[in-house]
């Protein structure tokens, strides 16, 4: 049943995103061709070439922004609708609550990764590749690290990226589930929770960082950082962030699962 739910949700999202993919790829190809033509004039391209190129570049930029926003907003909108009228149908099929959550979460993450791949591919085609910037980026990021540190660093970054992506969707799902408790005011409650909780958490985190920093400074821990390797400090920092992200993902998932299992309130 989980595979069927994932397939259904993936097709539902794809019907909207695939045309956007196509539009962005076409705009990127046209912009890249026009850029190549303009570069052939060595900075003296006429207006009849530079103005259409500028408009194509702006259109590509807006299409990229729309794609990334839709890749996140559309799956969240589907989850929000599941807690409304659509829920009477979806929750009547022989599937558990966890299967409903995971089907939407996995399909959302896959489409978001695909969207980011298309986005960065278009960015590379328009900016990085024409001006040979990839080598400069590699040197700036990894010139001070040996091969083993680079591999470990990249693995941790990819793992943290996936956890963060999952956490973003789970946080939005938990806000929808919490907003569901407010009946007809669920949309307003969901938006207030989605934008209000991070403000509270940032204040709490700032206070915690200040207190923790003061304790570590009093214990003389910071003096040991001066002799540590920068690469090891980066890996240790990524490890701490990864653990915190995992805890956050679990909390959001448990809140969503509990509210949908015990306090389902469809309107």
C-alpha atoms as a PDB file:
ATOM      1  CA  UNK A   1       0.000   0.000   0.000  1.00  0.00           C
ATOM      2  CA  UNK A   2       2.864   2.364   0.759  1.00  0.00           C
ATOM      3  CA  UNK A   3       4.274   1.997  -2.744  1.00  0.00           C
ATOM      4  CA  UNK A   4       0.862   2.721  -4.264  1.00  0.00           C
ATOM      5  CA  UNK A   5       0.475   5.835  -2.128  1.00  0.00           C
ATOM      6  CA  UNK A   6       3.948   7.039  -3.084  1.00  0.00           C
ATOM      7  CA  UNK A   7       3.235   6.457  -6.774  1.00  0.00           C
ATOM      8  CA  UNK A   8      -0.076   8.301  -6.570  1.00  0.00           C
ATOM      9  CA  UNK A   9       1.434  11.288  -4.752  1.00  0.00           C
ATOM     10  CA  UNK A  10       4.480  11.414  -7.040  1.00  0.00           C
ATOM     11  CA  UNK A  11       2.277  11.469 -10.140  1.00  0.00           C
ATOM     12  CA  UNK A  12       0.076  14.108  -8.565  1.00  0.00           C
ATOM     13  CA  UNK A  13       3.057  16.393  -7.945  1.00  0.00           C
ATOM     14  CA  UNK A  14       4.672  15.562 -11.275  1.00  0.00           C
ATOM     15  CA  UNK A  15       1.656  16.678 -13.286  1.00  0.00           C
ATOM     16  CA  UNK A  16       2.367  20.198 -12.061  1.00  0.00           C
ATOM     17  CA  UNK A  17       6.175  20.255 -11.811  1.00  0.00           C
ATOM     18  CA  UNK A  18       7.141  18.538 -15.067  1.00  0.00           C
ATOM     19  CA  UNK A  19       5.842  21.391 -17.275  1.00  0.00           C
ATOM     20  CA  UNK A  20       7.781  23.827 -15.073  1.00  0.00           C
ATOM     21  CA  UNK A  21      10.894  21.672 -15.539  1.00  0.00           C
ATOM     22  CA  UNK A  22      10.416  21.848 -19.288  1.00  0.00           C
ATOM     23  CA  UNK A  23       9.866  25.614 -19.289  1.00  0.00           C
ATOM     24  CA  UNK A  24      12.975  26.201 -17.183  1.00  0.00           C
ATOM     25  CA  UNK A  25      15.149  23.975 -19.371  1.00  0.00           C
ATOM     26  CA  UNK A  26      13.929  25.707 -22.537  1.00  0.00           C
ATOM     27  CA  UNK A  27      14.536  29.170 -21.038  1.00  0.00           C
ATOM     28  CA  UNK A  28      17.991  28.116 -19.869  1.00  0.00           C
ATOM     29  CA  UNK A  29      18.937  26.775 -23.316  1.00  0.00           C
ATOM     30  CA  UNK A  30      17.716  29.926 -25.062  1.00  0.00           C
ATOM     31  CA  UNK A  31      19.484  32.161 -22.544  1.00  0.00           C
ATOM     32  CA  UNK A  32      22.719  30.190 -22.881  1.00  0.00           C
ATOM     33  CA  UNK A  33      22.614  30.516 -26.678  1.00  0.00           C
ATOM     34  CA  UNK A  34      21.979  34.250 -26.464  1.00  0.00           C
ATOM     35  CA  UNK A  35      24.778  34.644 -23.904  1.00  0.00           C
ATOM     36  CA  UNK A  36      27.185  32.837 -26.226  1.00  0.00           C
ATOM     37  CA  UNK A  37      26.177  35.122 -29.100  1.00  0.00           C
ATOM     38  CA  UNK A  38      26.636  38.218 -26.945  1.00  0.00           C
ATOM     39  CA  UNK A  39      30.036  37.038 -25.698  1.00  0.00           C
ATOM     40  CA  UNK A  40      31.085  36.650 -29.313  1.00  0.00           C
ATOM     41  CA  UNK A  41      30.744  40.416 -29.677  1.00  0.00           C
ATOM     42  CA  UNK A  42      33.344  40.853 -26.875  1.00  0.00           C
ATOM     43  CA  UNK A  43      31.289  43.267 -24.801  1.00  0.00           C
ATOM     44  CA  UNK A  44      29.995  45.299 -27.742  1.00  0.00           C
ATOM     45  CA  UNK A  45      26.746  43.433 -28.414  1.00  0.00           C
ATOM     46  CA  UNK A  46      24.010  45.579 -29.968  1.00  0.00           C
ATOM     47  CA  UNK A  47      20.811  46.366 -28.096  1.00  0.00           C
ATOM     48  CA  UNK A  48      18.736  44.042 -30.251  1.00  0.00           C
ATOM     49  CA  UNK A  49      20.816  41.180 -28.798  1.00  0.00           C
ATOM     50  CA  UNK A  50      21.501  42.312 -25.227  1.00  0.00           C
ATOM     51  CA  UNK A  51      17.919  43.331 -24.356  1.00  0.00           C
ATOM     52  CA  UNK A  52      16.306  39.957 -25.298  1.00  0.00           C
ATOM     53  CA  UNK A  53      19.148  38.194 -23.486  1.00  0.00           C
ATOM     54  CA  UNK A  54      18.464  40.235 -20.339  1.00  0.00           C
ATOM     55  CA  UNK A  55      14.742  39.446 -20.488  1.00  0.00           C
ATOM     56  CA  UNK A  56      15.468  35.747 -20.995  1.00  0.00           C
ATOM     57  CA  UNK A  57      17.813  35.774 -18.017  1.00  0.00           C
ATOM     58  CA  UNK A  58      15.191  37.471 -15.833  1.00  0.00           C
ATOM     59  CA  UNK A  59      12.551  34.996 -17.000  1.00  0.00           C
ATOM     60  CA  UNK A  60      14.861  32.085 -16.196  1.00  0.00           C
ATOM     61  CA  UNK A  61      15.497  33.525 -12.733  1.00  0.00           C
ATOM     62  CA  UNK A  62      11.792  33.890 -11.943  1.00  0.00           C
ATOM     63  CA  UNK A  63      11.057  30.420 -13.312  1.00  0.00           C
ATOM     64  CA  UNK A  64      13.790  28.977 -11.079  1.00  0.00           C
ATOM     65  CA  UNK A  65      12.382  30.715  -8.018  1.00  0.00           C
ATOM     66  CA  UNK A  66       8.881  29.517  -8.872  1.00  0.00           C
ATOM     67  CA  UNK A  67      10.130  25.948  -9.318  1.00  0.00           C
ATOM     68  CA  UNK A  68      11.839  25.785  -5.930  1.00  0.00           C
ATOM     69  CA  UNK A  69       8.867  27.412  -4.193  1.00  0.00           C
ATOM     70  CA  UNK A  70       6.372  25.077  -5.882  1.00  0.00           C
ATOM     71  CA  UNK A  71       8.488  22.016  -5.106  1.00  0.00           C
ATOM     72  CA  UNK A  72       8.097  22.767  -1.412  1.00  0.00           C
ATOM     73  CA  UNK A  73       4.694  24.420  -1.315  1.00  0.00           C
ATOM     74  CA  UNK A  74       2.785  21.925  -3.453  1.00  0.00           C
ATOM     75  CA  UNK A  75       3.481  18.830  -1.287  1.00  0.00           C
ATOM     76  CA  UNK A  76       2.681  20.839   1.844  1.00  0.00           C
ATOM     77  CA  UNK A  77      -0.574  21.986   0.247  1.00  0.00           C
ATOM     78  CA  UNK A  78      -1.459  18.360  -0.542  1.00  0.00           C
ATOM     79  CA  UNK A  79      -0.818  17.394   3.074  1.00  0.00           C
ATOM     80  CA  UNK A  80      -2.919  20.324   4.298  1.00  0.00           C
ATOM     81  CA  UNK A  81      -5.798  19.300   2.029  1.00  0.00           C
ATOM     82  CA  UNK A  82      -5.516  15.743   3.335  1.00  0.00           C
ATOM     83  CA  UNK A  83      -6.549  17.129   6.718  1.00  0.00           C
ATOM     84  CA  UNK A  84      -9.669  18.648   5.172  1.00  0.00           C
ATOM     85  CA  UNK A  85     -12.277  17.301   2.782  1.00  0.00           C
ATOM     86  CA  UNK A  86      -9.807  14.975   1.034  1.00  0.00           C
ATOM     87  CA  UNK A  87      -9.165  13.244   4.338  1.00  0.00           C
ATOM     88  CA  UNK A  88     -12.572  11.548   4.326  1.00  0.00           C
ATOM     89  CA  UNK A  89     -11.438   9.593   1.281  1.00  0.00           C
ATOM     90  CA  UNK A  90      -7.745   9.137   2.068  1.00  0.00           C
ATOM     91  CA  UNK A  91      -8.258   7.969   5.646  1.00  0.00           C
ATOM     92  CA  UNK A  92     -10.903   5.474   4.559  1.00  0.00           C
ATOM     93  CA  UNK A  93      -8.488   3.409   2.461  1.00  0.00           C
ATOM     94  CA  UNK A  94      -6.646   0.464   4.088  1.00  0.00           C
ATOM     95  CA  UNK A  95      -3.458   2.387   4.940  1.00  0.00           C
ATOM     96  CA  UNK A  96      -2.012   3.365   8.294  1.00  0.00           C
ATOM     97  CA  UNK A  97      -1.405   6.950   9.355  1.00  0.00           C
ATOM     98  CA  UNK A  98       2.346   6.433   9.170  1.00  0.00           C
ATOM     99  CA  UNK A  99       2.017   5.176   5.585  1.00  0.00           C
ATOM    100  CA  UNK A 100       0.048   8.291   4.675  1.00  0.00           C
ATOM    101  CA  UNK A 101       2.759  10.512   6.170  1.00  0.00           C
ATOM    102  CA  UNK A 102       5.681   8.609   4.655  1.00  0.00           C
ATOM    103  CA  UNK A 103       4.124   8.471   1.201  1.00  0.00           C
ATOM    104  CA  UNK A 104       3.772  12.228   1.060  1.00  0.00           C
ATOM    105  CA  UNK A 105       7.146  12.814   2.700  1.00  0.00           C
ATOM    106  CA  UNK A 106       9.141  10.541   0.395  1.00  0.00           C
ATOM    107  CA  UNK A 107       7.501  11.759  -2.798  1.00  0.00           C
ATOM    108  CA  UNK A 108       7.968  15.375  -1.672  1.00  0.00           C
ATOM    109  CA  UNK A 109      11.668  14.820  -0.947  1.00  0.00           C
ATOM    110  CA  UNK A 110      12.277  13.081  -4.277  1.00  0.00           C
ATOM    111  CA  UNK A 111      10.643  15.882  -6.233  1.00  0.00           C
ATOM    112  CA  UNK A 112      12.460  18.535  -4.220  1.00  0.00           C
ATOM    113  CA  UNK A 113      15.815  16.874  -4.917  1.00  0.00           C
ATOM    114  CA  UNK A 114      14.916  16.639  -8.604  1.00  0.00           C
ATOM    115  CA  UNK A 115      13.931  20.319  -8.622  1.00  0.00           C
ATOM    116  CA  UNK A 116      17.162  21.347  -6.940  1.00  0.00           C
ATOM    117  CA  UNK A 117      19.093  19.242  -9.438  1.00  0.00           C
ATOM    118  CA  UNK A 118      17.412  21.016 -12.350  1.00  0.00           C
ATOM    119  CA  UNK A 119      17.894  24.389 -10.644  1.00  0.00           C
ATOM    120  CA  UNK A 120      21.622  23.948 -10.001  1.00  0.00           C
ATOM    121  CA  UNK A 121      22.098  22.380 -13.425  1.00  0.00           C
ATOM    122  CA  UNK A 122      20.622  25.483 -15.019  1.00  0.00           C
ATOM    123  CA  UNK A 123      22.734  27.668 -12.721  1.00  0.00           C
ATOM    124  CA  UNK A 124      25.853  25.816 -13.823  1.00  0.00           C
ATOM    125  CA  UNK A 125      24.911  26.179 -17.494  1.00  0.00           C
ATOM    126  CA  UNK A 126      24.249  29.915 -17.174  1.00  0.00           C
ATOM    127  CA  UNK A 127      26.906  31.101 -14.728  1.00  0.00           C
ATOM    128  CA  UNK A 128      29.519  28.579 -13.638  1.00  0.00           C
ATOM    129  CA  UNK A 129      30.314  26.792 -16.891  1.00  0.00           C
ATOM    130  CA  UNK A 130      30.659  29.840 -19.199  1.00  0.00           C
ATOM    131  CA  UNK A 131      33.087  31.566 -16.816  1.00  0.00           C
ATOM    132  CA  UNK A 132      34.980  28.417 -15.640  1.00  0.00           C
ATOM    133  CA  UNK A 133      34.123  28.996 -11.978  1.00  0.00           C
ATOM    134  CA  UNK A 134      33.946  25.346 -10.847  1.00  0.00           C
ATOM    135  CA  UNK A 135      37.720  25.045 -10.345  1.00  0.00           C
ATOM    136  CA  UNK A 136      37.821  28.241  -8.284  1.00  0.00           C
ATOM    137  CA  UNK A 137      34.972  26.967  -6.103  1.00  0.00           C
ATOM    138  CA  UNK A 138      36.730  23.641  -5.528  1.00  0.00           C
ATOM    139  CA  UNK A 139      39.979  25.364  -4.596  1.00  0.00           C
ATOM    140  CA  UNK A 140      38.243  27.775  -2.225  1.00  0.00           C
ATOM    141  CA  UNK A 141      36.341  25.003  -0.428  1.00  0.00           C
ATOM    142  CA  UNK A 142      38.829  22.121  -0.310  1.00  0.00           C
ATOM    143  CA  UNK A 143      42.327  23.548  -0.807  1.00  0.00           C
ATOM    144  CA  UNK A 144      43.154  23.113   2.896  1.00  0.00           C
ATOM    145  CA  UNK A 145      41.807  19.556   3.241  1.00  0.00           C
ATOM    146  CA  UNK A 146      43.348  16.239   2.312  1.00  0.00           C
ATOM    147  CA  UNK A 147      41.465  13.607   0.330  1.00  0.00           C
ATOM    148  CA  UNK A 148      40.150  11.636   3.326  1.00  0.00           C
ATOM    149  CA  UNK A 149      38.777  14.749   5.009  1.00  0.00           C
ATOM    150  CA  UNK A 150      37.105  15.824   1.765  1.00  0.00           C
ATOM    151  CA  UNK A 151      35.277  12.493   1.407  1.00  0.00           C
ATOM    152  CA  UNK A 152      34.119  12.530   5.040  1.00  0.00           C
ATOM    153  CA  UNK A 153      33.114  16.177   4.786  1.00  0.00           C
ATOM    154  CA  UNK A 154      31.045  15.593   1.634  1.00  0.00           C
ATOM    155  CA  UNK A 155      29.339  12.506   3.093  1.00  0.00           C
ATOM    156  CA  UNK A 156      28.333  14.433   6.204  1.00  0.00           C
ATOM    157  CA  UNK A 157      27.104  17.369   4.134  1.00  0.00           C
ATOM    158  CA  UNK A 158      24.942  15.134   1.930  1.00  0.00           C
ATOM    159  CA  UNK A 159      23.528  13.315   4.964  1.00  0.00           C
ATOM    160  CA  UNK A 160      22.823  16.616   6.720  1.00  0.00           C
ATOM    161  CA  UNK A 161      21.181  17.991   3.580  1.00  0.00           C
ATOM    162  CA  UNK A 162      18.805  15.004   3.402  1.00  0.00           C
ATOM    163  CA  UNK A 163      17.970  15.302   7.103  1.00  0.00           C
ATOM    164  CA  UNK A 164      17.329  19.026   6.725  1.00  0.00           C
ATOM    165  CA  UNK A 165      15.121  18.461   3.687  1.00  0.00           C
ATOM    166  CA  UNK A 166      13.090  15.833   5.554  1.00  0.00           C
ATOM    167  CA  UNK A 167      12.904  18.092   8.593  1.00  0.00           C
ATOM    168  CA  UNK A 168      11.553  21.028   6.594  1.00  0.00           C
ATOM    169  CA  UNK A 169       8.657  18.962   5.295  1.00  0.00           C
ATOM    170  CA  UNK A 170       8.003  17.302   8.660  1.00  0.00           C
ATOM    171  CA  UNK A 171       7.949  20.683  10.369  1.00  0.00           C
ATOM    172  CA  UNK A 172       5.394  21.958   7.855  1.00  0.00           C
ATOM    173  CA  UNK A 173       3.345  18.770   8.335  1.00  0.00           C
ATOM    174  CA  UNK A 174       3.403  19.149  12.115  1.00  0.00           C
ATOM    175  CA  UNK A 175       2.228  22.759  11.813  1.00  0.00           C
ATOM    176  CA  UNK A 176      -0.642  21.600   9.595  1.00  0.00           C
ATOM    177  CA  UNK A 177      -1.515  18.906  12.140  1.00  0.00           C
ATOM    178  CA  UNK A 178      -1.400  21.402  15.007  1.00  0.00           C
ATOM    179  CA  UNK A 179      -3.448  23.924  13.035  1.00  0.00           C
ATOM    180  CA  UNK A 180      -6.005  21.179  12.420  1.00  0.00           C
ATOM    181  CA  UNK A 181      -6.946  21.404  16.104  1.00  0.00           C
ATOM    182  CA  UNK A 182      -8.378  24.907  15.586  1.00  0.00           C
ATOM    183  CA  UNK A 183     -11.298  23.843  13.374  1.00  0.00           C
ATOM    184  CA  UNK A 184     -12.390  26.454  10.863  1.00  0.00           C
ATOM    185  CA  UNK A 185      -9.451  28.696  11.807  1.00  0.00           C
ATOM    186  CA  UNK A 186      -6.925  26.026  10.864  1.00  0.00           C
ATOM    187  CA  UNK A 187      -5.317  27.968   8.012  1.00  0.00           C
ATOM    188  CA  UNK A 188      -4.603  31.014  10.167  1.00  0.00           C
ATOM    189  CA  UNK A 189      -3.391  28.823  13.025  1.00  0.00           C
ATOM    190  CA  UNK A 190      -1.114  26.862  10.685  1.00  0.00           C
ATOM    191  CA  UNK A 191       0.492  30.030   9.309  1.00  0.00           C
ATOM    192  CA  UNK A 192       0.956  31.535  12.790  1.00  0.00           C
ATOM    193  CA  UNK A 193       2.559  28.327  14.028  1.00  0.00           C
ATOM    194  CA  UNK A 194       4.758  27.924  10.952  1.00  0.00           C
ATOM    195  CA  UNK A 195       6.215  31.419  11.205  1.00  0.00           C
ATOM    196  CA  UNK A 196       5.953  31.875  14.979  1.00  0.00           C
ATOM    197  CA  UNK A 197       7.647  28.713  16.252  1.00  0.00           C
ATOM    198  CA  UNK A 198      11.010  29.495  14.547  1.00  0.00           C
ATOM    199  CA  UNK A 199      11.068  32.923  16.223  1.00  0.00           C
ATOM    200  CA  UNK A 200      10.603  31.367  19.643  1.00  0.00           C
ATOM    201  CA  UNK A 201      13.145  28.647  18.906  1.00  0.00           C
ATOM    202  CA  UNK A 202      15.716  31.190  17.717  1.00  0.00           C
ATOM    203  CA  UNK A 203      15.363  33.150  20.942  1.00  0.00           C
ATOM    204  CA  UNK A 204      15.713  29.987  23.021  1.00  0.00           C
ATOM    205  CA  UNK A 205      18.671  28.815  20.920  1.00  0.00           C
ATOM    206  CA  UNK A 206      20.402  32.187  21.272  1.00  0.00           C
ATOM    207  CA  UNK A 207      20.027  32.094  25.045  1.00  0.00           C
ATOM    208  CA  UNK A 208      21.286  28.499  25.098  1.00  0.00           C
ATOM    209  CA  UNK A 209      24.319  29.376  22.945  1.00  0.00           C
ATOM    210  CA  UNK A 210      25.244  32.306  25.178  1.00  0.00           C
ATOM    211  CA  UNK A 211      24.946  30.216  28.339  1.00  0.00           C
ATOM    212  CA  UNK A 212      26.828  27.279  26.809  1.00  0.00           C
ATOM    213  CA  UNK A 213      29.558  29.595  25.509  1.00  0.00           C
ATOM    214  CA  UNK A 214      29.984  31.166  28.928  1.00  0.00           C
ATOM    215  CA  UNK A 215      30.270  27.740  30.575  1.00  0.00           C
ATOM    216  CA  UNK A 216      32.785  26.502  27.995  1.00  0.00           C
ATOM    217  CA  UNK A 217      34.836  29.682  28.314  1.00  0.00           C
ATOM    218  CA  UNK A 218      34.922  29.331  32.100  1.00  0.00           C
ATOM    219  CA  UNK A 219      36.114  25.727  31.743  1.00  0.00           C
ATOM    220  CA  UNK A 220      38.870  26.724  29.317  1.00  0.00           C
ATOM    221  CA  UNK A 221      37.527  24.615  26.452  1.00  0.00           C
ATOM    222  CA  UNK A 222      37.991  27.340  23.837  1.00  0.00           C
ATOM    223  CA  UNK A 223      41.761  27.349  24.406  1.00  0.00           C
ATOM    224  CA  UNK A 224      41.936  23.802  23.065  1.00  0.00           C
ATOM    225  CA  UNK A 225      40.293  24.879  19.814  1.00  0.00           C
ATOM    226  CA  UNK A 226      43.382  26.935  18.910  1.00  0.00           C
ATOM    227  CA  UNK A 227      45.505  23.786  18.609  1.00  0.00           C
ATOM    228  CA  UNK A 228      42.883  21.630  16.878  1.00  0.00           C
ATOM    229  CA  UNK A 229      42.850  21.071  13.133  1.00  0.00           C
ATOM    230  CA  UNK A 230      40.282  23.170  11.245  1.00  0.00           C
ATOM    231  CA  UNK A 231      39.048  20.060   9.432  1.00  0.00           C
ATOM    232  CA  UNK A 232      38.377  18.197  12.674  1.00  0.00           C
ATOM    233  CA  UNK A 233      36.515  21.203  14.070  1.00  0.00           C
ATOM    234  CA  UNK A 234      34.326  21.334  10.950  1.00  0.00           C
ATOM    235  CA  UNK A 235      33.527  17.632  11.201  1.00  0.00           C
ATOM    236  CA  UNK A 236      32.738  17.937  14.920  1.00  0.00           C
ATOM    237  CA  UNK A 237      30.451  20.895  14.228  1.00  0.00           C
ATOM    238  CA  UNK A 238      28.661  19.023  11.449  1.00  0.00           C
ATOM    239  CA  UNK A 239      28.258  16.034  13.766  1.00  0.00           C
ATOM    240  CA  UNK A 240      26.584  18.173  16.441  1.00  0.00           C
ATOM    241  CA  UNK A 241      24.299  19.816  13.873  1.00  0.00           C
ATOM    242  CA  UNK A 242      23.399  16.388  12.465  1.00  0.00           C
ATOM    243  CA  UNK A 243      22.415  15.046  15.896  1.00  0.00           C
ATOM    244  CA  UNK A 244      20.270  18.118  16.598  1.00  0.00           C
ATOM    245  CA  UNK A 245      18.631  17.805  13.162  1.00  0.00           C
ATOM    246  CA  UNK A 246      17.812  14.137  13.753  1.00  0.00           C
ATOM    247  CA  UNK A 247      16.188  14.986  17.093  1.00  0.00           C
ATOM    248  CA  UNK A 248      14.181  17.765  15.451  1.00  0.00           C
ATOM    249  CA  UNK A 249      12.994  15.455  12.665  1.00  0.00           C
ATOM    250  CA  UNK A 250      11.908  12.801  15.167  1.00  0.00           C
ATOM    251  CA  UNK A 251      10.010  15.349  17.269  1.00  0.00           C
ATOM    252  CA  UNK A 252       8.147  16.752  14.255  1.00  0.00           C
ATOM    253  CA  UNK A 253       7.292  13.270  13.008  1.00  0.00           C
ATOM    254  CA  UNK A 254       6.042  12.094  16.409  1.00  0.00           C
ATOM    255  CA  UNK A 255       3.873  15.204  16.829  1.00  0.00           C
ATOM    256  CA  UNK A 256       2.340  14.714  13.379  1.00  0.00           C
ATOM    257  CA  UNK A 257       1.789  10.995  13.910  1.00  0.00           C
ATOM    258  CA  UNK A 258       0.184  11.502  17.327  1.00  0.00           C
ATOM    259  CA  UNK A 259      -2.180  14.257  16.201  1.00  0.00           C
ATOM    260  CA  UNK A 260      -3.305  12.370  13.105  1.00  0.00           C
ATOM    261  CA  UNK A 261      -3.735   9.129  15.046  1.00  0.00           C
ATOM    262  CA  UNK A 262      -5.368  10.438  18.226  1.00  0.00           C
ATOM    263  CA  UNK A 263      -6.776  13.885  17.483  1.00  0.00           C
ATOM    264  CA  UNK A 264      -7.842  13.798  13.849  1.00  0.00           C
ATOM    265  CA  UNK A 265     -10.225  16.690  13.190  1.00  0.00           C
ATOM    266  CA  UNK A 266     -11.345  16.859   9.577  1.00  0.00           C
ATOM    267  CA  UNK A 267     -13.364  19.840   8.408  1.00  0.00           C
END
